[in-house]
Each structure stands twice: as structure tokens, then as C-alpha cells.
Amino acid sequence: MRKVWTLVLGVALAITAATPAVPQSNNDDYTPLNSRIKRTRQFPLDLRSRFDPARTTKLMRERGKDMLSQLSGCLYNRSHEDALALLERTDLGFMDFRQIDLEPNRAVRIYGFSDCLRRVASSNNSDVQLRFTPGALRQWLLQEAYLDRYRDGPSWVKPGNVIAERAFPLSQNAISVRAPLDFADCVVETDPYGADDFFRATAGSEAEKAAIQNLVPSLGPCLPQGQQMEVNPAALRVWLGEALWHAANHSAPPAVAGQ
């Protein structure tokens, strides 16, 4: 506390020394006792507006992304073991905690959503409102797990390795789940480094846009023949995240005939 007060007093003295002395006054411009603090304050009449709605919106979005990143990191770091177990038991079709015999309220406690939300809100001095859905939880944990395990890049990529068939713990017969993942698996198999670059880029950033452009040659050939698929950056991020995680954990050298 002494250091803080010393600093404050030092600044105050510097300001006082740089301000010319003014006779004591009790008029409307100054308070009594020569404090030189105006009773009323007014913006300059020639004040130029620097308010830019687009810039303000951008800053708010960036702050929101940063807070969401803090939240996902908190959820993952509570228990890596629990996070990896959830990823193993579920797939892209994870829509209800009851699919894994877990009541929603109990899931909130197990994975510490309320606690992590409070921590993020407290550290940012802000209110945070987010929906805790099974799909969002899987997406957050998968992203944190992948980037934690492969911090320096896709070291799991080995020329000639083969990606194993994907298992669907919850959605074996769901075409709405299988179709986008077949597409994403194809993209990752064709260009694993490009998919990894896109997944690491901040959503909405120029780096993400550049990564998408680099991926375009691999996207078209992987689209299911005779089917229409709406592809946007948000969906692509989820699908490629799933494909990267699967390939990183289920790829190996091709089996040798007779062995």
C-alpha cells in the first residue's frame, strides 16, 4: 500500500508543479479552497467524433472470442482425462447428454461449466452468457485437446500413413453426421497441412480467409457426388476439427500383406 500511495502522490505533485497558481475563487468555474477542479465539465465545442461502429463491433467480437477461448481452456484443463473420455464416447451427433446416460445438470457440474464461466467473467470484469450444449462442449474440448497435443504443428502427419475407418459411437446410421465427416476426412487426407493451418487460424481473421483460399483446390473434389452441401467457415471449422482429431489419433503405416 505504501508504494501505491507514493506513486499517486508523486504524480499529483508533478501535476501541481506544472499548473500555474490561480487566486482562490468561489465562482462557478472553480471550487473553493483553490482546488482548481471545475464544478461543471463540458466537452470541447470543436470535439471531433472518433466513434466508429464497425470498429467497436470488431473489438467486441474479438473480446468475445478471447473470452470463449478462456472458457474452453478452463473446461479442458479441469481434467484432461475426462475431456478425452468424452471425445472417445461421442461423435459429431452428440446432441443430448442423455445419449451417454448423463443428466444435463450433472454434466454441468462434472465439466465445471458454471465455475469456468464465473472465472472468465471475473477475470474480464464482464457478464458472460453462453449456452452449455453437448455439441458445443465437444467442439471446445476437441479444439483444446488437439492444439494442446500438437502445439507446434501437425507432427502426426507421416507420408504414406493410412487413416483408419471412423467409428460412430452415437451416429452410425445418421447420414447428416456421416456425410460432412466423410467430406472432412477426405479434405484432411488430401491436404492435412492446409486443414491444420485453417483450424489454427482465429475465426474471422485474415489468416483464416487465406487458409480457406489455400484449401479450395481440395474442397471441390471431396464434395459428395450428386449431393448438395452448404459449406461456411464455422461449419468447416467443426468438420475439419473432427477430421484432424480422428486422423491424428487413428493413422498408421499400411499393413503389409501376409502379416
C-alpha atoms as a PDB file:
ATOM      1  CA  MET A   1       0.000   0.000   0.000  1.00  0.00           C
ATOM      2  CA  ARG A   2       2.886   2.402   0.753  1.00  0.00           C
ATOM      3  CA  LYS A   3       4.290   2.024  -2.768  1.00  0.00           C
ATOM      4  CA  VAL A   4       0.912   2.778  -4.315  1.00  0.00           C
ATOM      5  CA  TRP A   5       0.408   5.924  -2.299  1.00  0.00           C
ATOM      6  CA  THR A   6       3.959   7.086  -3.038  1.00  0.00           C
ATOM      7  CA  LEU A   7       3.311   6.731  -6.760  1.00  0.00           C
ATOM      8  CA  VAL A   8      -0.012   8.558  -6.598  1.00  0.00           C
ATOM      9  CA  LEU A   9       1.435  11.401  -4.570  1.00  0.00           C
ATOM     10  CA  GLY A  10       4.361  11.693  -6.947  1.00  0.00           C
ATOM     11  CA  VAL A  11       2.040  12.100  -9.917  1.00  0.00           C
ATOM     12  CA  ALA A  12      -0.107  14.598  -8.042  1.00  0.00           C
ATOM     13  CA  LEU A  13       2.931  16.684  -7.142  1.00  0.00           C
ATOM     14  CA  ALA A  14       4.150  16.660 -10.715  1.00  0.00           C
ATOM     15  CA  ILE A  15       0.778  17.884 -11.965  1.00  0.00           C
ATOM     16  CA  THR A  16       0.578  20.575  -9.309  1.00  0.00           C
ATOM     17  CA  ALA A  17       4.041  21.838 -10.109  1.00  0.00           C
ATOM     18  CA  ALA A  18       3.178  22.139 -13.802  1.00  0.00           C
ATOM     19  CA  THR A  19      -0.044  24.107 -13.133  1.00  0.00           C
ATOM     20  CA  PRO A  20       0.207  27.890 -12.744  1.00  0.00           C
ATOM     21  CA  ALA A  21      -1.081  29.314  -9.480  1.00  0.00           C
ATOM     22  CA  VAL A  22      -4.581  30.783  -9.577  1.00  0.00           C
ATOM     23  CA  PRO A  23      -6.033  33.059  -6.853  1.00  0.00           C
ATOM     24  CA  GLN A  24      -8.597  31.435  -4.642  1.00  0.00           C
ATOM     25  CA  SER A  25     -12.083  31.726  -6.075  1.00  0.00           C
ATOM     26  CA  ASN A  26     -15.623  30.805  -5.166  1.00  0.00           C
ATOM     27  CA  ASN A  27     -17.190  31.469  -8.562  1.00  0.00           C
ATOM     28  CA  ASP A  28     -18.897  28.947 -10.858  1.00  0.00           C
ATOM     29  CA  ASP A  29     -15.679  27.991 -12.615  1.00  0.00           C
ATOM     30  CA  TYR A  30     -13.721  26.673  -9.655  1.00  0.00           C
ATOM     31  CA  THR A  31     -14.469  25.084  -6.340  1.00  0.00           C
ATOM     32  CA  PRO A  32     -13.475  26.770  -3.069  1.00  0.00           C
ATOM     33  CA  LEU A  33     -10.066  26.321  -1.441  1.00  0.00           C
ATOM     34  CA  ASN A  34      -8.214  26.770  -4.710  1.00  0.00           C
ATOM     35  CA  SER A  35      -8.582  23.108  -5.716  1.00  0.00           C
ATOM     36  CA  ARG A  36      -8.734  24.117  -9.402  1.00  0.00           C
ATOM     37  CA  ILE A  37     -11.344  21.393 -10.077  1.00  0.00           C
ATOM     38  CA  LYS A  38     -14.186  22.778 -12.133  1.00  0.00           C
ATOM     39  CA  ARG A  39     -17.706  22.458 -10.785  1.00  0.00           C
ATOM     40  CA  THR A  40     -19.120  21.799 -14.251  1.00  0.00           C
ATOM     41  CA  ARG A  41     -17.424  19.988 -17.105  1.00  0.00           C
ATOM     42  CA  GLN A  42     -18.182  20.292 -20.780  1.00  0.00           C
ATOM     43  CA  PHE A  43     -16.784  18.595 -23.852  1.00  0.00           C
ATOM     44  CA  PRO A  44     -14.918  20.973 -26.185  1.00  0.00           C
ATOM     45  CA  LEU A  45     -17.238  22.523 -28.756  1.00  0.00           C
ATOM     46  CA  ASP A  46     -14.895  21.514 -31.574  1.00  0.00           C
ATOM     47  CA  LEU A  47     -14.570  17.880 -30.358  1.00  0.00           C
ATOM     48  CA  ARG A  48     -14.233  15.582 -33.333  1.00  0.00           C
ATOM     49  CA  SER A  49     -16.128  12.301 -33.227  1.00  0.00           C
ATOM     50  CA  ARG A  50     -13.921   9.217 -33.330  1.00  0.00           C
ATOM     51  CA  PHE A  51     -16.767   6.792 -32.806  1.00  0.00           C
ATOM     52  CA  ASP A  52     -16.671   4.056 -35.418  1.00  0.00           C
ATOM     53  CA  PRO A  53     -19.492   1.484 -35.039  1.00  0.00           C
ATOM     54  CA  ALA A  54     -17.692  -1.046 -37.216  1.00  0.00           C
ATOM     55  CA  ARG A  55     -14.515  -0.771 -35.156  1.00  0.00           C
ATOM     56  CA  THR A  56     -16.474  -1.039 -31.906  1.00  0.00           C
ATOM     57  CA  THR A  57     -18.272  -4.144 -33.149  1.00  0.00           C
ATOM     58  CA  LYS A  58     -14.963  -5.671 -34.213  1.00  0.00           C
ATOM     59  CA  LEU A  59     -13.407  -5.018 -30.807  1.00  0.00           C
ATOM     60  CA  MET A  60     -16.417  -6.554 -29.050  1.00  0.00           C
ATOM     61  CA  ARG A  61     -16.224  -9.641 -31.239  1.00  0.00           C
ATOM     62  CA  GLU A  62     -12.507 -10.009 -30.592  1.00  0.00           C
ATOM     63  CA  ARG A  63     -13.105  -9.719 -26.869  1.00  0.00           C
ATOM     64  CA  GLY A  64     -15.884 -12.306 -27.085  1.00  0.00           C
ATOM     65  CA  LYS A  65     -13.598 -14.718 -28.937  1.00  0.00           C
ATOM     66  CA  ASP A  66     -10.893 -14.235 -26.348  1.00  0.00           C
ATOM     67  CA  MET A  67     -13.337 -14.931 -23.518  1.00  0.00           C
ATOM     68  CA  LEU A  68     -14.631 -18.040 -25.287  1.00  0.00           C
ATOM     69  CA  SER A  69     -11.049 -19.237 -25.673  1.00  0.00           C
ATOM     70  CA  GLN A  70     -10.509 -18.743 -21.937  1.00  0.00           C
ATOM     71  CA  LEU A  71     -13.662 -20.716 -21.197  1.00  0.00           C
ATOM     72  CA  SER A  72     -12.761 -23.677 -23.422  1.00  0.00           C
ATOM     73  CA  GLY A  73      -9.269 -23.764 -21.940  1.00  0.00           C
ATOM     74  CA  CYS A  74     -10.701 -23.784 -18.419  1.00  0.00           C
ATOM     75  CA  LEU A  75     -13.086 -26.650 -19.229  1.00  0.00           C
ATOM     76  CA  TYR A  76     -10.326 -28.741 -20.786  1.00  0.00           C
ATOM     77  CA  ASN A  77      -7.749 -28.085 -18.085  1.00  0.00           C
ATOM     78  CA  ARG A  78     -10.075 -29.136 -15.269  1.00  0.00           C
ATOM     79  CA  SER A  79      -9.470 -32.750 -16.283  1.00  0.00           C
ATOM     80  CA  HIS A  80      -7.736 -33.847 -19.464  1.00  0.00           C
ATOM     81  CA  GLU A  81      -8.753 -37.409 -18.684  1.00  0.00           C
ATOM     82  CA  ASP A  82     -12.463 -36.560 -18.510  1.00  0.00           C
ATOM     83  CA  ALA A  83     -12.219 -34.459 -21.667  1.00  0.00           C
ATOM     84  CA  LEU A  84     -10.556 -37.229 -23.685  1.00  0.00           C
ATOM     85  CA  ALA A  85     -13.031 -39.796 -22.346  1.00  0.00           C
ATOM     86  CA  LEU A  86     -15.939 -37.657 -23.552  1.00  0.00           C
ATOM     87  CA  LEU A  87     -14.401 -37.319 -27.010  1.00  0.00           C
ATOM     88  CA  GLU A  88     -13.955 -41.085 -27.189  1.00  0.00           C
ATOM     89  CA  ARG A  89     -17.569 -41.805 -26.225  1.00  0.00           C
ATOM     90  CA  THR A  90     -19.230 -39.282 -28.529  1.00  0.00           C
ATOM     91  CA  ASP A  91     -19.169 -38.010 -32.115  1.00  0.00           C
ATOM     92  CA  LEU A  92     -20.493 -35.102 -34.178  1.00  0.00           C
ATOM     93  CA  GLY A  93     -24.036 -36.315 -33.459  1.00  0.00           C
ATOM     94  CA  PHE A  94     -23.718 -35.588 -29.746  1.00  0.00           C
ATOM     95  CA  MET A  95     -26.863 -33.547 -29.075  1.00  0.00           C
ATOM     96  CA  ASP A  96     -28.087 -34.695 -25.667  1.00  0.00           C
ATOM     97  CA  PHE A  97     -26.187 -35.687 -22.525  1.00  0.00           C
ATOM     98  CA  ARG A  98     -28.682 -38.495 -22.068  1.00  0.00           C
ATOM     99  CA  GLN A  99     -27.060 -40.164 -25.084  1.00  0.00           C
ATOM    100  CA  ILE A 100     -24.227 -41.057 -22.721  1.00  0.00           C
ATOM    101  CA  ASP A 101     -26.510 -41.654 -19.714  1.00  0.00           C
ATOM    102  CA  LEU A 102     -25.757 -38.304 -18.144  1.00  0.00           C
ATOM    103  CA  GLU A 103     -28.294 -35.815 -16.798  1.00  0.00           C
ATOM    104  CA  PRO A 104     -27.689 -32.240 -18.054  1.00  0.00           C
ATOM    105  CA  ASN A 105     -27.423 -30.736 -14.558  1.00  0.00           C
ATOM    106  CA  ARG A 106     -24.881 -33.359 -13.563  1.00  0.00           C
ATOM    107  CA  ALA A 107     -22.901 -32.714 -16.757  1.00  0.00           C
ATOM    108  CA  VAL A 108     -22.685 -29.025 -15.868  1.00  0.00           C
ATOM    109  CA  ARG A 109     -21.168 -29.947 -12.501  1.00  0.00           C
ATOM    110  CA  ILE A 110     -18.818 -32.638 -13.826  1.00  0.00           C
ATOM    111  CA  TYR A 111     -17.309 -30.461 -16.524  1.00  0.00           C
ATOM    112  CA  GLY A 112     -17.281 -27.315 -14.386  1.00  0.00           C
ATOM    113  CA  PHE A 113     -19.174 -25.084 -16.765  1.00  0.00           C
ATOM    114  CA  SER A 114     -20.583 -22.725 -14.114  1.00  0.00           C
ATOM    115  CA  ASP A 115     -17.241 -22.467 -12.320  1.00  0.00           C
ATOM    116  CA  CYS A 116     -15.325 -21.721 -15.531  1.00  0.00           C
ATOM    117  CA  LEU A 117     -17.945 -19.208 -16.623  1.00  0.00           C
ATOM    118  CA  ARG A 118     -17.577 -17.346 -13.327  1.00  0.00           C
ATOM    119  CA  ARG A 119     -13.801 -17.328 -13.670  1.00  0.00           C
ATOM    120  CA  VAL A 120     -13.937 -15.879 -17.173  1.00  0.00           C
ATOM    121  CA  ALA A 121     -16.492 -13.257 -16.140  1.00  0.00           C
ATOM    122  CA  SER A 122     -14.435 -12.283 -13.107  1.00  0.00           C
ATOM    123  CA  SER A 123     -11.124 -12.043 -14.976  1.00  0.00           C
ATOM    124  CA  ASN A 124     -12.714  -9.859 -17.651  1.00  0.00           C
ATOM    125  CA  ASN A 125     -14.922  -7.845 -15.275  1.00  0.00           C
ATOM    126  CA  SER A 126     -17.862  -8.631 -17.502  1.00  0.00           C
ATOM    127  CA  ASP A 127     -21.044 -10.678 -17.641  1.00  0.00           C
ATOM    128  CA  VAL A 128     -20.899 -13.779 -19.829  1.00  0.00           C
ATOM    129  CA  GLN A 129     -23.911 -15.591 -21.228  1.00  0.00           C
ATOM    130  CA  LEU A 130     -23.382 -18.852 -23.089  1.00  0.00           C
ATOM    131  CA  ARG A 131     -25.433 -21.936 -23.738  1.00  0.00           C
ATOM    132  CA  PHE A 132     -23.857 -25.139 -22.444  1.00  0.00           C
ATOM    133  CA  THR A 133     -24.826 -27.638 -25.127  1.00  0.00           C
ATOM    134  CA  PRO A 134     -23.363 -31.107 -25.705  1.00  0.00           C
ATOM    135  CA  GLY A 135     -22.254 -30.188 -29.212  1.00  0.00           C
ATOM    136  CA  ALA A 136     -20.536 -27.009 -28.054  1.00  0.00           C
ATOM    137  CA  LEU A 137     -18.797 -28.847 -25.216  1.00  0.00           C
ATOM    138  CA  ARG A 138     -17.432 -31.470 -27.606  1.00  0.00           C
ATOM    139  CA  GLN A 139     -16.237 -28.785 -30.018  1.00  0.00           C
ATOM    140  CA  TRP A 140     -14.487 -26.814 -27.257  1.00  0.00           C
ATOM    141  CA  LEU A 141     -12.788 -29.873 -25.759  1.00  0.00           C
ATOM    142  CA  LEU A 142     -11.734 -31.260 -29.140  1.00  0.00           C
ATOM    143  CA  GLN A 143     -10.136 -27.978 -30.136  1.00  0.00           C
ATOM    144  CA  GLU A 144      -8.264 -27.653 -26.850  1.00  0.00           C
ATOM    145  CA  ALA A 145      -7.147 -31.288 -26.931  1.00  0.00           C
ATOM    146  CA  TYR A 146      -5.846 -31.094 -30.496  1.00  0.00           C
ATOM    147  CA  LEU A 147      -3.977 -27.818 -30.037  1.00  0.00           C
ATOM    148  CA  ASP A 148      -2.580 -28.989 -26.701  1.00  0.00           C
ATOM    149  CA  ARG A 149      -1.331 -32.282 -28.102  1.00  0.00           C
ATOM    150  CA  TYR A 150       0.092 -30.774 -31.297  1.00  0.00           C
ATOM    151  CA  ARG A 151       1.190 -27.327 -30.207  1.00  0.00           C
ATOM    152  CA  ASP A 152       3.944 -26.940 -32.788  1.00  0.00           C
ATOM    153  CA  GLY A 153       2.010 -28.203 -35.790  1.00  0.00           C
ATOM    154  CA  PRO A 154       0.671 -31.470 -37.223  1.00  0.00           C
ATOM    155  CA  SER A 155       3.601 -33.667 -36.228  1.00  0.00           C
ATOM    156  CA  TRP A 156       1.281 -36.673 -36.566  1.00  0.00           C
ATOM    157  CA  VAL A 157       1.375 -36.409 -40.373  1.00  0.00           C
ATOM    158  CA  LYS A 158       3.599 -39.185 -41.752  1.00  0.00           C
ATOM    159  CA  PRO A 159       3.902 -39.668 -45.534  1.00  0.00           C
ATOM    160  CA  GLY A 160       2.266 -42.908 -46.606  1.00  0.00           C
ATOM    161  CA  ASN A 161       0.298 -43.444 -43.411  1.00  0.00           C
ATOM    162  CA  VAL A 162      -3.272 -44.663 -43.756  1.00  0.00           C
ATOM    163  CA  ILE A 163      -6.213 -43.201 -41.845  1.00  0.00           C
ATOM    164  CA  ALA A 164      -8.360 -45.907 -40.263  1.00  0.00           C
ATOM    165  CA  GLU A 165     -12.112 -46.141 -40.739  1.00  0.00           C
ATOM    166  CA  ARG A 166     -14.028 -43.844 -38.455  1.00  0.00           C
ATOM    167  CA  ALA A 167     -16.212 -45.210 -35.646  1.00  0.00           C
ATOM    168  CA  PHE A 168     -19.520 -43.533 -34.800  1.00  0.00           C
ATOM    169  CA  PRO A 169     -20.368 -44.238 -31.152  1.00  0.00           C
ATOM    170  CA  LEU A 170     -23.662 -42.335 -31.391  1.00  0.00           C
ATOM    171  CA  SER A 171     -24.455 -41.781 -35.068  1.00  0.00           C
ATOM    172  CA  GLN A 172     -23.697 -44.920 -37.050  1.00  0.00           C
ATOM    173  CA  ASN A 173     -26.783 -44.567 -39.255  1.00  0.00           C
ATOM    174  CA  ALA A 174     -27.101 -40.768 -39.319  1.00  0.00           C
ATOM    175  CA  ILE A 175     -26.362 -39.509 -42.834  1.00  0.00           C
ATOM    176  CA  SER A 176     -26.435 -35.919 -41.539  1.00  0.00           C
ATOM    177  CA  VAL A 177     -23.377 -36.786 -39.458  1.00  0.00           C
ATOM    178  CA  ARG A 178     -21.593 -39.190 -41.779  1.00  0.00           C
ATOM    179  CA  ALA A 179     -21.790 -37.034 -44.938  1.00  0.00           C
ATOM    180  CA  PRO A 180     -19.957 -33.938 -43.601  1.00  0.00           C
ATOM    181  CA  LEU A 181     -17.371 -36.096 -41.841  1.00  0.00           C
ATOM    182  CA  ASP A 182     -16.713 -38.138 -44.974  1.00  0.00           C
ATOM    183  CA  PHE A 183     -16.137 -34.829 -46.723  1.00  0.00           C
ATOM    184  CA  ALA A 184     -13.857 -33.524 -43.956  1.00  0.00           C
ATOM    185  CA  ASP A 185     -11.889 -36.779 -43.749  1.00  0.00           C
ATOM    186  CA  CYS A 186     -11.270 -36.526 -47.490  1.00  0.00           C
ATOM    187  CA  VAL A 187     -10.009 -32.933 -47.172  1.00  0.00           C
ATOM    188  CA  VAL A 188      -7.652 -33.829 -44.324  1.00  0.00           C
ATOM    189  CA  GLU A 189      -6.352 -36.865 -46.207  1.00  0.00           C
ATOM    190  CA  THR A 190      -5.735 -34.704 -49.285  1.00  0.00           C
ATOM    191  CA  ASP A 191      -4.210 -31.682 -47.552  1.00  0.00           C
ATOM    192  CA  PRO A 192      -3.533 -32.261 -43.833  1.00  0.00           C
ATOM    193  CA  TYR A 193      -1.251 -29.244 -43.524  1.00  0.00           C
ATOM    194  CA  GLY A 194      -3.780 -26.908 -45.124  1.00  0.00           C
ATOM    195  CA  ALA A 195      -6.561 -28.217 -42.884  1.00  0.00           C
ATOM    196  CA  ASP A 196      -4.338 -27.758 -39.844  1.00  0.00           C
ATOM    197  CA  ASP A 197      -3.497 -24.174 -40.854  1.00  0.00           C
ATOM    198  CA  PHE A 198      -7.188 -23.354 -41.159  1.00  0.00           C
ATOM    199  CA  PHE A 199      -8.056 -24.934 -37.804  1.00  0.00           C
ATOM    200  CA  ARG A 200      -5.338 -22.970 -36.001  1.00  0.00           C
ATOM    201  CA  ALA A 201      -6.311 -19.624 -37.540  1.00  0.00           C
ATOM    202  CA  THR A 202      -8.540 -17.340 -35.478  1.00  0.00           C
ATOM    203  CA  ALA A 203     -12.131 -17.451 -36.692  1.00  0.00           C
ATOM    204  CA  GLY A 204     -12.963 -14.476 -38.887  1.00  0.00           C
ATOM    205  CA  SER A 205      -9.342 -13.393 -39.235  1.00  0.00           C
ATOM    206  CA  GLU A 206      -7.407 -12.643 -42.402  1.00  0.00           C
ATOM    207  CA  ALA A 207      -5.333 -15.744 -41.685  1.00  0.00           C
ATOM    208  CA  GLU A 208      -8.493 -17.842 -41.760  1.00  0.00           C
ATOM    209  CA  LYS A 209      -9.556 -16.334 -45.085  1.00  0.00           C
ATOM    210  CA  ALA A 210      -6.138 -17.075 -46.564  1.00  0.00           C
ATOM    211  CA  ALA A 211      -6.240 -20.638 -45.242  1.00  0.00           C
ATOM    212  CA  ILE A 212      -9.653 -21.198 -46.847  1.00  0.00           C
ATOM    213  CA  GLN A 213      -8.344 -19.977 -50.183  1.00  0.00           C
ATOM    214  CA  ASN A 214      -5.442 -22.389 -49.928  1.00  0.00           C
ATOM    215  CA  LEU A 215      -7.893 -25.223 -49.183  1.00  0.00           C
ATOM    216  CA  VAL A 216     -10.222 -24.529 -52.116  1.00  0.00           C
ATOM    217  CA  PRO A 217      -8.456 -26.953 -54.512  1.00  0.00           C
ATOM    218  CA  SER A 218      -9.063 -29.765 -52.011  1.00  0.00           C
ATOM    219  CA  LEU A 219     -12.681 -28.919 -51.187  1.00  0.00           C
ATOM    220  CA  GLY A 220     -14.319 -29.431 -54.573  1.00  0.00           C
ATOM    221  CA  PRO A 221     -13.058 -32.969 -55.296  1.00  0.00           C
ATOM    222  CA  CYS A 222     -14.120 -34.074 -51.798  1.00  0.00           C
ATOM    223  CA  LEU A 223     -17.752 -32.974 -52.108  1.00  0.00           C
ATOM    224  CA  PRO A 224     -20.088 -35.985 -52.268  1.00  0.00           C
ATOM    225  CA  GLN A 225     -21.107 -36.675 -55.860  1.00  0.00           C
ATOM    226  CA  GLY A 226     -24.758 -35.915 -56.530  1.00  0.00           C
ATOM    227  CA  GLN A 227     -25.237 -34.218 -53.155  1.00  0.00           C
ATOM    228  CA  GLN A 228     -25.501 -30.592 -52.159  1.00  0.00           C
ATOM    229  CA  MET A 229     -23.664 -29.362 -49.089  1.00  0.00           C
ATOM    230  CA  GLU A 230     -23.633 -25.887 -47.616  1.00  0.00           C
ATOM    231  CA  VAL A 231     -20.102 -25.073 -46.530  1.00  0.00           C
ATOM    232  CA  ASN A 232     -19.329 -21.990 -44.432  1.00  0.00           C
ATOM    233  CA  PRO A 233     -16.259 -21.191 -42.297  1.00  0.00           C
ATOM    234  CA  ALA A 234     -17.985 -22.038 -38.994  1.00  0.00           C
ATOM    235  CA  ALA A 235     -19.215 -25.442 -40.181  1.00  0.00           C
ATOM    236  CA  LEU A 236     -15.913 -26.154 -41.923  1.00  0.00           C
ATOM    237  CA  ARG A 237     -14.048 -25.458 -38.689  1.00  0.00           C
ATOM    238  CA  VAL A 238     -16.158 -28.010 -36.804  1.00  0.00           C
ATOM    239  CA  TRP A 239     -15.917 -30.661 -39.520  1.00  0.00           C
ATOM    240  CA  LEU A 240     -12.177 -30.285 -40.119  1.00  0.00           C
ATOM    241  CA  GLY A 241     -11.550 -30.274 -36.377  1.00  0.00           C
ATOM    242  CA  GLU A 242     -13.288 -33.642 -36.156  1.00  0.00           C
ATOM    243  CA  ALA A 243     -11.308 -34.950 -39.130  1.00  0.00           C
ATOM    244  CA  LEU A 244      -7.966 -33.704 -37.834  1.00  0.00           C
ATOM    245  CA  TRP A 245      -8.561 -35.270 -34.426  1.00  0.00           C
ATOM    246  CA  HIS A 246      -9.562 -38.586 -35.970  1.00  0.00           C
ATOM    247  CA  ALA A 247      -6.616 -38.670 -38.392  1.00  0.00           C
ATOM    248  CA  ALA A 248      -4.114 -37.663 -35.715  1.00  0.00           C
ATOM    249  CA  ASN A 249      -5.231 -40.490 -33.445  1.00  0.00           C
ATOM    250  CA  HIS A 250      -6.069 -43.192 -35.985  1.00  0.00           C
ATOM    251  CA  SER A 251      -3.428 -43.142 -38.706  1.00  0.00           C
ATOM    252  CA  ALA A 252      -0.633 -45.676 -39.103  1.00  0.00           C
ATOM    253  CA  PRO A 253       1.638 -47.222 -41.775  1.00  0.00           C
ATOM    254  CA  PRO A 254      -0.217 -49.502 -44.207  1.00  0.00           C
ATOM    255  CA  ALA A 255      -0.452 -53.133 -43.213  1.00  0.00           C
ATOM    256  CA  VAL A 256       1.972 -55.458 -45.023  1.00  0.00           C
ATOM    257  CA  ALA A 257       0.329 -58.353 -46.887  1.00  0.00           C
ATOM    258  CA  GLY A 258       0.662 -61.636 -45.024  1.00  0.00           C
ATOM    259  CA  GLN A 259       1.179 -60.024 -41.642  1.00  0.00           C
END
